[in-house]
Amino acid sequence: MESSATPRRYGFDDAELLAQPTVFRPGLFAGQTVLVSGAGSGLGKAVAALFARLGARLAICGRDPARLEAAAALLRGLGAEVIAVPMSIRDPDQVQALIERVWAEAGGLDLLVNNAGGQFPQAALDYTPKGWNAVIDTNLNGTWYMMQAAARAWVAAKRPGAIVNIVADIWRGMPGIAHTCAARAGVVYVSKSVAVEWAPHRIRVNCVAPGCVETTAFSLYPPEGSATFYESNPMLRAGDAQDIAEACCYLAAPSGKFVTGEVVTVDGGQQLWGDPWPIGRPDYFRIPHGAAPAPKE
C-alpha cells in the first residue's frame, strides 16, 4: 500500500501563537492604536496578536480579505478593538485612505508596524523587469508610502508617533532573493535618514531585521531552499514569529523611548555565520566541492 507523505506544517497555529510567553506586562499598550500591515498571516499576525494581548487597539491591513478577517476574529477574541482594511500598500491613494480611516475611527495612531511585503526565490540572472518591480514596489515603495502618510498625519496633528519597519538580514547579501535585499536595504537607510529628519516632530523610526524565522511562508520556498534555513546561523535552528513580535514591542514600549534610527537584528547570529539559500544551495557552494586547487609553484 502506498503511503502519502503529510506536508510539513511551518510556524505556529493560532492556539500555539496565543500560548507563547511574553516578557511584557498585560495592559502595556492599553489606550494605544497600533497599525500592522500584512497582518493576515505569518509575522504580521504574530505582531498584531501580541499587541492585542497587551491591550492595544488594532488596525490591520492586507491584500487577502479572507485571511484578514480571520486574523481580525482572532484579535477580537482577545478583547481587542479591530479595524480591518483590505488594501494594497503599493497604491499611495489606498494608503492615504487607510491612514485617514484609522484616525477617523480610532481617534489617532500611536504606532505603525510595516510588515507587509513579499518576494519569490529566483536566481538574479532570471529576474524579469516585472518580477523585480513587483518586489521593489511592495517592499520599498509600499513601505515608504505607509511611513510618509503616517508621519504627515502625526505632524499635522502635532502628535508623536513611532514606526517599526520589518526588514531582513541584509548584512552579508541575500543570494537567491537579491531583489528583496535591495528593497529592504533601501528601507533600512531611508529609516535612518528620516529618524533624523522627523526627530523634531517626536517621531521615532526603527527597523527589526529577522533572520530565518519559521512561519507559514517557509512553504513558499522549494524544499532544497527551506532546508538551508536551519543552517543559516550558528545556533543551527530557525527563529519563530514571537521573537519578532517581542522585538517590535520592545521598540514600541517605554523600553525603546530613547531608540531611533536603529536596526534590531533578530537572527541567531546569521549576520556573522551561516549559509541560507532560498533557491537551494548551488553545487558550486556545496562542501567539499569548494576544496581550493593547490597553489601553483
Protein backbone atom coordinates (compact mmCIF):
# COMPACT_ATOMS: atom_id res chain seq x y z
CA MET A 1 0.00 0.00 0.00
CA GLU A 2 1.34 3.42 -0.93
CA SER A 3 1.60 5.98 1.82
CA SER A 4 1.17 9.66 1.13
CA ALA A 5 3.51 11.97 2.96
CA THR A 6 1.82 14.64 5.04
CA PRO A 7 3.02 18.10 4.03
CA ARG A 8 5.12 19.69 6.73
CA ARG A 9 3.43 22.46 8.70
CA TYR A 10 5.58 25.51 9.33
CA GLY A 11 5.13 28.09 12.06
CA PHE A 12 2.57 28.36 14.85
CA ASP A 13 -1.11 27.63 14.54
CA ASP A 14 -3.38 30.14 16.26
CA ALA A 15 -3.53 28.25 19.57
CA GLU A 16 0.25 27.92 19.69
CA LEU A 17 0.69 31.58 18.83
CA LEU A 18 -1.55 32.78 21.65
CA ALA A 19 0.19 30.45 24.11
CA GLN A 20 3.63 31.97 23.54
CA PRO A 21 5.10 33.56 26.68
CA THR A 22 5.94 37.25 26.73
CA VAL A 23 8.19 39.37 28.92
CA PHE A 24 5.76 42.30 28.72
CA ARG A 25 3.05 43.06 31.26
CA PRO A 26 -0.68 42.90 30.45
CA GLY A 27 -2.19 46.25 29.56
CA LEU A 28 1.13 47.77 28.49
CA PHE A 29 -0.40 49.24 25.32
CA ALA A 30 -3.89 49.98 26.66
CA GLY A 31 -5.29 53.14 25.09
CA GLN A 32 -2.91 52.96 22.14
CA THR A 33 -3.69 52.27 18.50
CA VAL A 34 -1.30 50.09 16.51
CA LEU A 35 -1.50 49.65 12.74
CA VAL A 36 0.09 46.45 11.40
CA SER A 37 0.35 45.85 7.66
CA GLY A 38 0.36 42.35 6.23
CA ALA A 39 -1.36 41.10 9.37
CA GLY A 40 -3.35 38.29 7.77
CA SER A 41 -0.67 35.68 8.37
CA GLY A 42 2.88 34.99 9.46
CA LEU A 43 4.91 37.65 11.21
CA GLY A 44 2.23 40.32 10.83
CA LYS A 45 -0.41 38.23 12.55
CA ALA A 46 2.03 37.35 15.34
CA VAL A 47 2.92 41.01 15.89
CA ALA A 48 -0.73 42.07 15.90
CA ALA A 49 -1.65 39.24 18.30
CA LEU A 50 0.99 40.23 20.84
CA PHE A 51 -0.07 43.88 20.79
CA ALA A 52 -3.69 42.76 21.21
CA ARG A 53 -2.72 40.58 24.19
CA LEU A 54 -1.03 43.65 25.70
CA GLY A 55 -4.15 45.80 25.41
CA ALA A 56 -3.73 47.74 22.17
CA ARG A 57 -6.46 48.70 19.73
CA LEU A 58 -5.52 47.20 16.35
CA ALA A 59 -5.83 48.37 12.79
CA ILE A 60 -4.74 45.71 10.33
CA CYS A 61 -4.46 45.66 6.56
CA GLY A 62 -3.58 43.18 3.86
CA ARG A 63 -4.46 42.12 0.35
CA ASP A 64 -6.37 38.91 1.18
CA PRO A 65 -9.79 39.79 2.66
CA ALA A 66 -10.48 36.27 3.94
CA ARG A 67 -7.17 35.95 5.77
CA LEU A 68 -7.53 39.47 7.12
CA GLU A 69 -10.99 38.81 8.51
CA ALA A 70 -9.82 35.55 10.10
CA ALA A 71 -6.98 37.45 11.78
CA ALA A 72 -9.41 40.15 12.92
CA ALA A 73 -11.63 37.50 14.50
CA LEU A 74 -8.62 36.08 16.35
CA LEU A 75 -7.70 39.53 17.67
CA ARG A 76 -11.26 40.34 18.69
CA GLY A 77 -11.29 37.07 20.58
CA LEU A 78 -8.52 38.57 22.69
CA GLY A 79 -10.76 41.51 23.54
CA ALA A 80 -9.15 43.94 21.11
CA GLU A 81 -10.99 46.53 19.06
CA VAL A 82 -10.01 45.88 15.44
CA ILE A 83 -10.25 47.87 12.23
CA ALA A 84 -9.59 45.54 9.28
CA VAL A 85 -8.99 47.10 5.87
CA PRO A 86 -8.29 45.03 2.74
CA MET A 87 -5.96 47.11 0.55
CA SER A 88 -2.64 47.26 -1.26
CA ILE A 89 0.25 49.29 0.11
CA ARG A 90 1.52 49.66 -3.47
CA ASP A 91 -1.21 52.23 -4.09
CA PRO A 92 -0.48 55.55 -2.35
CA ASP A 93 -4.13 56.60 -2.60
CA GLN A 94 -5.24 53.45 -0.78
CA VAL A 95 -2.53 54.07 1.82
CA GLN A 96 -3.75 57.61 2.41
CA ALA A 97 -7.34 56.40 2.71
CA LEU A 98 -6.22 53.78 5.24
CA ILE A 99 -4.43 56.31 7.46
CA GLU A 100 -7.41 58.68 7.31
CA ARG A 101 -9.80 55.86 8.27
CA VAL A 102 -7.67 54.83 11.24
CA TRP A 103 -7.60 58.41 12.54
CA ALA A 104 -11.34 58.83 11.96
CA GLU A 105 -12.38 55.58 13.65
CA ALA A 106 -9.70 55.25 16.34
CA GLY A 107 -9.05 58.92 17.06
CA GLY A 108 -5.40 58.70 16.13
CA LEU A 109 -2.46 56.37 15.66
CA ASP A 110 0.40 55.62 18.04
CA LEU A 111 2.47 53.02 16.22
CA LEU A 112 2.86 51.82 12.65
CA VAL A 113 4.40 48.38 12.08
CA ASN A 114 5.27 47.98 8.41
CA ASN A 115 5.31 44.25 7.93
CA ALA A 116 3.65 43.81 4.52
CA GLY A 117 5.94 42.57 1.81
CA GLY A 118 6.99 39.55 -0.13
CA GLN A 119 9.43 38.04 -2.53
CA PHE A 120 10.00 34.92 -4.56
CA PRO A 121 13.11 32.75 -4.75
CA GLN A 122 14.91 33.09 -8.06
CA ALA A 123 18.43 33.48 -9.41
CA ALA A 124 19.10 37.15 -10.15
CA LEU A 125 20.04 36.42 -13.76
CA ASP A 126 16.47 35.22 -14.31
CA TYR A 127 14.59 38.25 -12.97
CA THR A 128 12.22 39.93 -15.39
CA PRO A 129 11.55 43.67 -15.09
CA LYS A 130 8.02 42.78 -13.93
CA GLY A 131 9.28 40.48 -11.17
CA TRP A 132 11.93 42.93 -10.00
CA ASN A 133 9.48 45.84 -9.94
CA ALA A 134 6.84 43.82 -8.09
CA VAL A 135 9.20 43.22 -5.17
CA ILE A 136 10.61 46.75 -5.12
CA ASP A 137 7.15 48.28 -5.40
CA THR A 138 5.84 46.36 -2.39
CA ASN A 139 8.84 46.08 -0.10
CA LEU A 140 10.35 49.52 -0.67
CA ASN A 141 7.79 51.84 -2.25
CA GLY A 142 4.80 50.49 -0.32
CA THR A 143 6.67 50.73 2.96
CA TRP A 144 7.63 54.31 2.16
CA TYR A 145 4.06 55.31 1.29
CA MET A 146 2.94 54.00 4.69
CA MET A 147 5.77 55.75 6.54
CA GLN A 148 5.17 59.10 4.88
CA ALA A 149 1.39 59.04 5.24
CA ALA A 150 1.62 58.16 8.93
CA ALA A 151 4.27 60.82 9.58
CA ARG A 152 2.31 63.53 7.79
CA ALA A 153 -0.73 62.75 9.93
CA TRP A 154 1.31 62.96 13.14
CA VAL A 155 2.92 66.23 12.10
CA ALA A 156 -0.44 67.75 11.12
CA ALA A 157 -1.94 66.74 14.47
CA LYS A 158 1.21 67.78 16.40
CA ARG A 159 1.31 64.34 17.98
CA PRO A 160 4.24 61.98 18.49
CA GLY A 161 4.45 58.62 16.78
CA ALA A 162 6.62 55.60 16.20
CA ILE A 163 7.35 53.38 13.22
CA VAL A 164 8.82 49.88 13.20
CA ASN A 165 9.75 48.54 9.77
CA ILE A 166 10.21 44.80 9.34
CA VAL A 167 13.18 44.43 7.01
CA ALA A 168 15.60 41.49 6.51
CA ASP A 169 19.05 40.23 7.39
CA ILE A 170 20.75 42.11 4.56
CA TRP A 171 24.19 42.47 6.05
CA ARG A 172 26.00 39.80 4.01
CA GLY A 173 23.75 39.96 0.96
CA MET A 174 20.86 37.61 0.21
CA PRO A 175 21.71 35.36 -2.74
CA GLY A 176 18.59 33.81 -4.18
CA ILE A 177 16.40 36.78 -3.22
CA ALA A 178 18.58 39.71 -4.27
CA HIS A 179 15.53 41.80 -5.19
CA THR A 180 14.27 41.86 -1.62
CA CYS A 181 17.78 42.53 -0.32
CA ALA A 182 17.87 45.68 -2.45
CA ALA A 183 14.42 46.76 -1.27
CA ARG A 184 14.99 46.05 2.42
CA ALA A 185 18.36 47.80 2.38
CA GLY A 186 16.55 50.83 0.98
CA VAL A 187 14.07 50.71 3.85
CA VAL A 188 16.89 50.47 6.40
CA TYR A 189 18.61 53.56 5.13
CA VAL A 190 15.52 55.66 4.50
CA SER A 191 14.56 54.80 8.08
CA LYS A 192 17.90 56.04 9.36
CA SER A 193 17.53 59.20 7.28
CA VAL A 194 14.04 60.16 8.40
CA ALA A 195 14.78 59.19 12.01
CA VAL A 196 16.88 62.36 11.96
CA GLU A 197 14.52 64.48 9.84
CA TRP A 198 11.48 63.57 11.90
CA ALA A 199 13.06 63.73 15.35
CA PRO A 200 11.89 67.36 15.83
CA HIS A 201 8.33 66.05 15.36
CA ARG A 202 8.82 63.41 18.09
CA ILE A 203 8.59 60.57 15.58
CA ARG A 204 10.86 57.58 16.20
CA VAL A 205 11.72 55.26 13.29
CA ASN A 206 13.35 51.86 13.76
CA CYS A 207 13.65 48.53 11.99
CA VAL A 208 13.57 44.88 13.02
CA ALA A 209 15.62 42.57 10.80
CA PRO A 210 14.56 38.92 11.11
CA GLY A 211 16.89 36.16 10.10
CA CYS A 212 15.39 32.82 9.07
CA VAL A 213 12.26 32.84 11.20
CA GLU A 214 9.86 29.96 10.68
CA THR A 215 6.36 30.91 9.57
CA THR A 216 3.94 29.53 7.01
CA ALA A 217 5.99 31.45 4.41
CA PHE A 218 8.66 28.72 4.60
CA SER A 219 6.31 26.60 2.49
CA LEU A 220 6.66 29.08 -0.38
CA TYR A 221 10.27 28.05 -0.93
CA PRO A 222 11.45 24.82 -2.58
CA PRO A 223 12.34 22.09 -0.06
CA GLU A 224 16.01 22.31 -1.02
CA GLY A 225 15.83 26.02 -0.19
CA SER A 226 13.94 25.89 3.10
CA ALA A 227 16.23 23.09 4.29
CA THR A 228 19.13 25.56 4.30
CA PHE A 229 17.28 27.96 6.59
CA TYR A 230 18.17 25.75 9.54
CA GLU A 231 21.84 26.14 8.58
CA SER A 232 21.59 29.91 8.36
CA ASN A 233 23.12 30.76 11.73
CA PRO A 234 25.48 29.38 14.37
CA MET A 235 22.54 28.26 16.51
CA LEU A 236 21.62 25.87 13.66
CA ARG A 237 17.90 26.45 14.03
CA ALA A 238 15.22 28.85 12.86
CA GLY A 239 13.68 31.56 14.99
CA ASP A 240 9.95 31.92 15.47
CA ALA A 241 7.37 34.65 14.95
CA GLN A 242 7.21 35.50 18.65
CA ASP A 243 10.88 36.51 18.54
CA ILE A 244 9.98 39.24 16.07
CA ALA A 245 6.78 40.29 17.85
CA GLU A 246 8.72 40.76 21.11
CA ALA A 247 11.32 42.90 19.33
CA CYS A 248 8.58 45.14 17.94
CA CYS A 249 7.05 45.55 21.38
CA TYR A 250 10.45 46.43 22.86
CA LEU A 251 10.84 49.27 20.36
CA ALA A 252 7.27 50.49 20.83
CA ALA A 253 7.19 50.33 24.64
CA PRO A 254 8.86 52.76 27.07
CA SER A 255 11.88 50.43 26.80
CA GLY A 256 12.51 51.92 23.35
CA LYS A 257 11.83 55.57 24.12
CA PHE A 258 15.48 56.57 23.52
CA VAL A 259 15.97 54.37 20.44
CA THR A 260 15.61 55.74 16.92
CA GLY A 261 17.31 55.10 13.59
CA GLU A 262 18.30 51.64 14.80
CA VAL A 263 18.02 48.13 13.35
CA VAL A 264 17.34 45.36 15.86
CA THR A 265 18.65 42.23 14.18
CA VAL A 266 17.00 39.01 15.40
CA ASP A 267 18.80 36.28 13.53
CA GLY A 268 20.57 33.81 15.79
CA GLY A 269 23.89 35.19 14.56
CA GLN A 270 23.18 34.87 10.84
CA GLN A 271 24.91 38.17 10.15
CA LEU A 272 28.11 36.51 11.42
CA TRP A 273 27.89 32.96 10.08
CA GLY A 274 25.53 30.80 8.07
CA ASP A 275 24.66 29.83 4.52
CA PRO A 276 20.96 30.18 3.66
CA TRP A 277 19.99 29.67 0.01
CA PRO A 278 16.26 30.23 -0.67
CA ILE A 279 16.65 28.74 -4.16
CA GLY A 280 18.65 25.78 -2.86
CA ARG A 281 22.42 25.73 -2.46
CA PRO A 282 24.15 25.66 -5.86
CA ASP A 283 26.60 22.81 -6.42
CA TYR A 284 29.44 25.32 -6.57
CA PHE A 285 28.87 26.21 -2.91
CA ARG A 286 28.48 22.69 -1.60
CA ILE A 287 31.23 21.37 0.62
CA PRO A 288 33.50 19.52 -0.24
CA HIS A 289 33.14 20.92 -3.78
CA GLY A 290 34.87 24.04 -2.59
CA ALA A 291 38.25 22.45 -1.96
CA ALA A 292 40.50 25.07 -3.46
CA PRO A 293 43.04 24.00 -6.07
CA ALA A 294 46.57 23.72 -4.81
CA PRO A 295 48.57 26.90 -5.42
CA LYS A 296 50.88 26.78 -8.38
CA GLU A 297 54.55 26.65 -7.56
